[in-house]
Amino acid sequence: MTPCYITSEMSEDLEKALELGLEAGITTVHLRKGLFGKEVQDIVPDDIPRLQDTFGKFGVSVGVLMPPFMKFDIDDANRIAQHHEMFNSVVATAKALGTEYVRCFPFGGAADVDYSSARIDDYLGRIVENLTPSVRHAET
């Protein structure tokens, strides 16, 4: 098992978060936000060298990128398309930062919809259908 932590839950200041993690002996981080003022899904190629230099300076590696990918109502088709684009960008960031892992959600839902485990069969096919384009991209 590899101990890890979400940097932004230690501090919104990335370097402070890395220092705190090292004090605890943890050298693998999960990234969500607090990345020099950006969230992980907003990282662009020009940001990568600074992040790589910072992680190298502290001797840490990236375990998982944690964008809010598909964390919304499954019935929002426009947002699904936008999130596939976001995912493609996050995959490129993940590769540049040395990880193969990007967290995703199996959608959320409107407050008036029953998403209990008893109803999983009603949604599982739709979840798979809507995640498939990003899964295929990740496999390339």
C-alpha atoms as a PDB file:
ATOM      1  CA  MET A   1       0.000   0.000   0.000  1.00  0.00           C
ATOM      2  CA  THR A   2       1.182   3.508  -0.818  1.00  0.00           C
ATOM      3  CA  PRO A   3       0.126   6.232   1.627  1.00  0.00           C
ATOM      4  CA  CYS A   4      -1.006   9.380  -0.153  1.00  0.00           C
ATOM      5  CA  TYR A   5      -3.008  12.538   0.437  1.00  0.00           C
ATOM      6  CA  ILE A   6      -4.940  15.209  -1.428  1.00  0.00           C
ATOM      7  CA  THR A   7      -2.675  18.247  -1.434  1.00  0.00           C
ATOM      8  CA  SER A   8      -5.463  20.835  -1.287  1.00  0.00           C
ATOM      9  CA  GLU A   9      -6.822  19.241   1.880  1.00  0.00           C
ATOM     10  CA  MET A  10      -3.487  19.903   3.573  1.00  0.00           C
ATOM     11  CA  SER A  11      -3.125  23.453   2.242  1.00  0.00           C
ATOM     12  CA  GLU A  12      -4.247  25.554  -0.729  1.00  0.00           C
ATOM     13  CA  ASP A  13      -0.550  26.465  -1.067  1.00  0.00           C
ATOM     14  CA  LEU A  14       0.990  23.566  -3.006  1.00  0.00           C
ATOM     15  CA  GLU A  15       4.492  23.887  -1.570  1.00  0.00           C
ATOM     16  CA  LYS A  16       3.140  24.083   1.987  1.00  0.00           C
ATOM     17  CA  ALA A  17       1.009  20.994   1.310  1.00  0.00           C
ATOM     18  CA  LEU A  18       4.061  19.119   0.036  1.00  0.00           C
ATOM     19  CA  GLU A  19       6.088  20.150   3.097  1.00  0.00           C
ATOM     20  CA  LEU A  20       3.336  18.913   5.419  1.00  0.00           C
ATOM     21  CA  GLY A  21       3.106  15.618   3.577  1.00  0.00           C
ATOM     22  CA  LEU A  22       6.843  15.096   3.797  1.00  0.00           C
ATOM     23  CA  GLU A  23       6.730  15.757   7.536  1.00  0.00           C
ATOM     24  CA  ALA A  24       4.328  12.816   7.727  1.00  0.00           C
ATOM     25  CA  GLY A  25       6.606  10.721   5.512  1.00  0.00           C
ATOM     26  CA  ILE A  26       4.225  10.673   2.542  1.00  0.00           C
ATOM     27  CA  THR A  27       5.678  11.130  -0.939  1.00  0.00           C
ATOM     28  CA  THR A  28       2.692  10.380  -3.188  1.00  0.00           C
ATOM     29  CA  VAL A  29       0.097  13.067  -3.780  1.00  0.00           C
ATOM     30  CA  HIS A  30      -3.364  13.337  -5.268  1.00  0.00           C
ATOM     31  CA  LEU A  31      -4.118  16.597  -7.054  1.00  0.00           C
ATOM     32  CA  ARG A  32      -7.439  18.394  -7.199  1.00  0.00           C
ATOM     33  CA  LYS A  33      -6.929  22.151  -6.725  1.00  0.00           C
ATOM     34  CA  GLY A  34      -4.520  24.610  -5.151  1.00  0.00           C
ATOM     35  CA  LEU A  35      -2.039  24.122  -7.998  1.00  0.00           C
ATOM     36  CA  PHE A  36      -0.539  27.593  -8.128  1.00  0.00           C
ATOM     37  CA  GLY A  37      -4.038  29.035  -8.235  1.00  0.00           C
ATOM     38  CA  LYS A  38      -5.530  26.466 -10.580  1.00  0.00           C
ATOM     39  CA  GLU A  39      -7.683  23.377 -10.371  1.00  0.00           C
ATOM     40  CA  VAL A  40      -6.283  20.233 -11.962  1.00  0.00           C
ATOM     41  CA  GLN A  41      -8.643  20.404 -14.947  1.00  0.00           C
ATOM     42  CA  ASP A  42      -7.394  23.932 -15.704  1.00  0.00           C
ATOM     43  CA  ILE A  43      -3.727  22.981 -16.014  1.00  0.00           C
ATOM     44  CA  VAL A  44      -2.299  23.786 -19.457  1.00  0.00           C
ATOM     45  CA  PRO A  45       0.941  22.542 -21.031  1.00  0.00           C
ATOM     46  CA  ASP A  46       2.793  25.720 -19.998  1.00  0.00           C
ATOM     47  CA  ASP A  47       2.061  24.872 -16.330  1.00  0.00           C
ATOM     48  CA  ILE A  48       3.644  21.416 -16.486  1.00  0.00           C
ATOM     49  CA  PRO A  49       7.341  22.388 -16.109  1.00  0.00           C
ATOM     50  CA  ARG A  50       6.644  24.398 -12.950  1.00  0.00           C
ATOM     51  CA  LEU A  51       4.661  21.521 -11.452  1.00  0.00           C
ATOM     52  CA  GLN A  52       7.324  18.967 -12.424  1.00  0.00           C
ATOM     53  CA  ASP A  53      10.047  21.161 -10.926  1.00  0.00           C
ATOM     54  CA  THR A  54       8.066  21.578  -7.707  1.00  0.00           C
ATOM     55  CA  PHE A  55       7.387  17.857  -7.325  1.00  0.00           C
ATOM     56  CA  GLY A  56      11.053  17.140  -8.092  1.00  0.00           C
ATOM     57  CA  LYS A  57      12.206  19.697  -5.511  1.00  0.00           C
ATOM     58  CA  PHE A  58      10.160  17.918  -2.838  1.00  0.00           C
ATOM     59  CA  GLY A  59      10.812  14.393  -4.105  1.00  0.00           C
ATOM     60  CA  VAL A  60       7.142  13.501  -4.478  1.00  0.00           C
ATOM     61  CA  SER A  61       5.239  11.668  -7.175  1.00  0.00           C
ATOM     62  CA  VAL A  62       1.699  12.115  -8.404  1.00  0.00           C
ATOM     63  CA  GLY A  63      -0.679   9.251  -7.705  1.00  0.00           C
ATOM     64  CA  VAL A  64      -4.052  10.443  -9.012  1.00  0.00           C
ATOM     65  CA  LEU A  65      -5.513  13.518 -10.686  1.00  0.00           C
ATOM     66  CA  MET A  66      -8.922  14.382  -9.269  1.00  0.00           C
ATOM     67  CA  PRO A  67     -11.021  16.555 -11.577  1.00  0.00           C
ATOM     68  CA  PRO A  68     -14.791  16.790 -11.055  1.00  0.00           C
ATOM     69  CA  PHE A  69     -15.231  14.579 -14.133  1.00  0.00           C
ATOM     70  CA  MET A  70     -18.882  13.537 -14.558  1.00  0.00           C
ATOM     71  CA  LYS A  71     -19.882  14.780 -11.098  1.00  0.00           C
ATOM     72  CA  PHE A  72     -23.307  16.029 -12.154  1.00  0.00           C
ATOM     73  CA  ASP A  73     -26.719  14.928 -13.417  1.00  0.00           C
ATOM     74  CA  ILE A  74     -26.532  12.165 -16.037  1.00  0.00           C
ATOM     75  CA  ASP A  75     -29.309  13.861 -18.023  1.00  0.00           C
ATOM     76  CA  ASP A  76     -27.192  16.932 -18.900  1.00  0.00           C
ATOM     77  CA  ALA A  77     -26.000  15.981 -22.424  1.00  0.00           C
ATOM     78  CA  ASN A  78     -24.229  19.293 -23.103  1.00  0.00           C
ATOM     79  CA  ARG A  79     -22.213  19.038 -19.931  1.00  0.00           C
ATOM     80  CA  ILE A  80     -21.308  15.417 -20.696  1.00  0.00           C
ATOM     81  CA  ALA A  81     -19.739  16.546 -23.991  1.00  0.00           C
ATOM     82  CA  GLN A  82     -17.820  19.318 -22.201  1.00  0.00           C
ATOM     83  CA  HIS A  83     -16.531  16.852 -19.637  1.00  0.00           C
ATOM     84  CA  HIS A  84     -15.206  14.506 -22.327  1.00  0.00           C
ATOM     85  CA  GLU A  85     -13.130  17.434 -23.615  1.00  0.00           C
ATOM     86  CA  MET A  86     -11.966  18.203 -20.082  1.00  0.00           C
ATOM     87  CA  PHE A  87     -11.031  14.560 -19.546  1.00  0.00           C
ATOM     88  CA  ASN A  88      -8.855  14.531 -22.674  1.00  0.00           C
ATOM     89  CA  SER A  89      -6.921  17.493 -21.311  1.00  0.00           C
ATOM     90  CA  VAL A  90      -6.584  15.938 -17.857  1.00  0.00           C
ATOM     91  CA  VAL A  91      -5.262  12.692 -19.369  1.00  0.00           C
ATOM     92  CA  ALA A  92      -2.518  14.685 -21.104  1.00  0.00           C
ATOM     93  CA  THR A  93      -1.688  16.354 -17.786  1.00  0.00           C
ATOM     94  CA  ALA A  94      -1.634  12.987 -16.013  1.00  0.00           C
ATOM     95  CA  LYS A  95       0.806  11.551 -18.534  1.00  0.00           C
ATOM     96  CA  ALA A  96       3.044  14.622 -18.252  1.00  0.00           C
ATOM     97  CA  LEU A  97       3.065  14.312 -14.454  1.00  0.00           C
ATOM     98  CA  GLY A  98       3.844  10.597 -14.516  1.00  0.00           C
ATOM     99  CA  THR A  99       0.577   8.965 -13.507  1.00  0.00           C
ATOM    100  CA  GLU A 100      -1.944   6.768 -15.269  1.00  0.00           C
ATOM    101  CA  TYR A 101      -4.765   7.516 -12.854  1.00  0.00           C
ATOM    102  CA  VAL A 102      -7.604  10.022 -13.192  1.00  0.00           C
ATOM    103  CA  ARG A 103     -10.557   9.813 -10.827  1.00  0.00           C
ATOM    104  CA  CYS A 104     -14.044   9.988 -12.268  1.00  0.00           C
ATOM    105  CA  PHE A 105     -17.564   9.893 -10.901  1.00  0.00           C
ATOM    106  CA  PRO A 106     -20.447   7.751 -12.143  1.00  0.00           C
ATOM    107  CA  PHE A 107     -22.560  10.919 -12.282  1.00  0.00           C
ATOM    108  CA  GLY A 108     -24.654  12.453  -9.567  1.00  0.00           C
ATOM    109  CA  GLY A 109     -28.215  13.352  -9.815  1.00  0.00           C
ATOM    110  CA  ALA A 110     -31.065  15.621  -9.227  1.00  0.00           C
ATOM    111  CA  ALA A 111     -32.364  15.658  -5.680  1.00  0.00           C
ATOM    112  CA  ASP A 112     -35.708  14.241  -6.750  1.00  0.00           C
ATOM    113  CA  VAL A 113     -34.286  11.074  -8.394  1.00  0.00           C
ATOM    114  CA  ASP A 114     -33.807   7.759  -6.603  1.00  0.00           C
ATOM    115  CA  TYR A 115     -30.175   6.726  -7.145  1.00  0.00           C
ATOM    116  CA  SER A 116     -30.220   3.985  -4.537  1.00  0.00           C
ATOM    117  CA  SER A 117     -28.468   0.685  -5.147  1.00  0.00           C
ATOM    118  CA  ALA A 118     -31.864  -0.889  -5.814  1.00  0.00           C
ATOM    119  CA  ARG A 119     -32.092   1.256  -8.967  1.00  0.00           C
ATOM    120  CA  ILE A 120     -28.560   0.654 -10.280  1.00  0.00           C
ATOM    121  CA  ASP A 121     -29.803  -1.478 -13.170  1.00  0.00           C
ATOM    122  CA  ASP A 122     -31.867   1.483 -14.376  1.00  0.00           C
ATOM    123  CA  TYR A 123     -28.735   3.625 -14.704  1.00  0.00           C
ATOM    124  CA  LEU A 124     -25.781   1.298 -15.247  1.00  0.00           C
ATOM    125  CA  GLY A 125     -26.206   1.084 -19.026  1.00  0.00           C
ATOM    126  CA  ARG A 126     -26.437   4.870 -19.313  1.00  0.00           C
ATOM    127  CA  ILE A 127     -23.402   5.340 -17.098  1.00  0.00           C
ATOM    128  CA  VAL A 128     -21.350   2.948 -19.228  1.00  0.00           C
ATOM    129  CA  GLU A 129     -22.578   4.544 -22.463  1.00  0.00           C
ATOM    130  CA  ASN A 130     -21.700   8.048 -21.288  1.00  0.00           C
ATOM    131  CA  LEU A 131     -18.277   7.147 -19.879  1.00  0.00           C
ATOM    132  CA  THR A 132     -17.186   5.014 -22.854  1.00  0.00           C
ATOM    133  CA  PRO A 133     -15.734   7.827 -25.040  1.00  0.00           C
ATOM    134  CA  SER A 134     -13.420   8.950 -22.242  1.00  0.00           C
ATOM    135  CA  VAL A 135     -12.488   5.383 -21.351  1.00  0.00           C
ATOM    136  CA  ARG A 136     -11.484   4.790 -24.966  1.00  0.00           C
ATOM    137  CA  HIS A 137      -9.406   7.973 -24.961  1.00  0.00           C
ATOM    138  CA  ALA A 138      -7.654   6.923 -21.759  1.00  0.00           C
ATOM    139  CA  GLU A 139      -6.765   3.566 -23.280  1.00  0.00           C
ATOM    140  CA  THR A 140      -4.841   5.197 -26.160  1.00  0.00           C
END
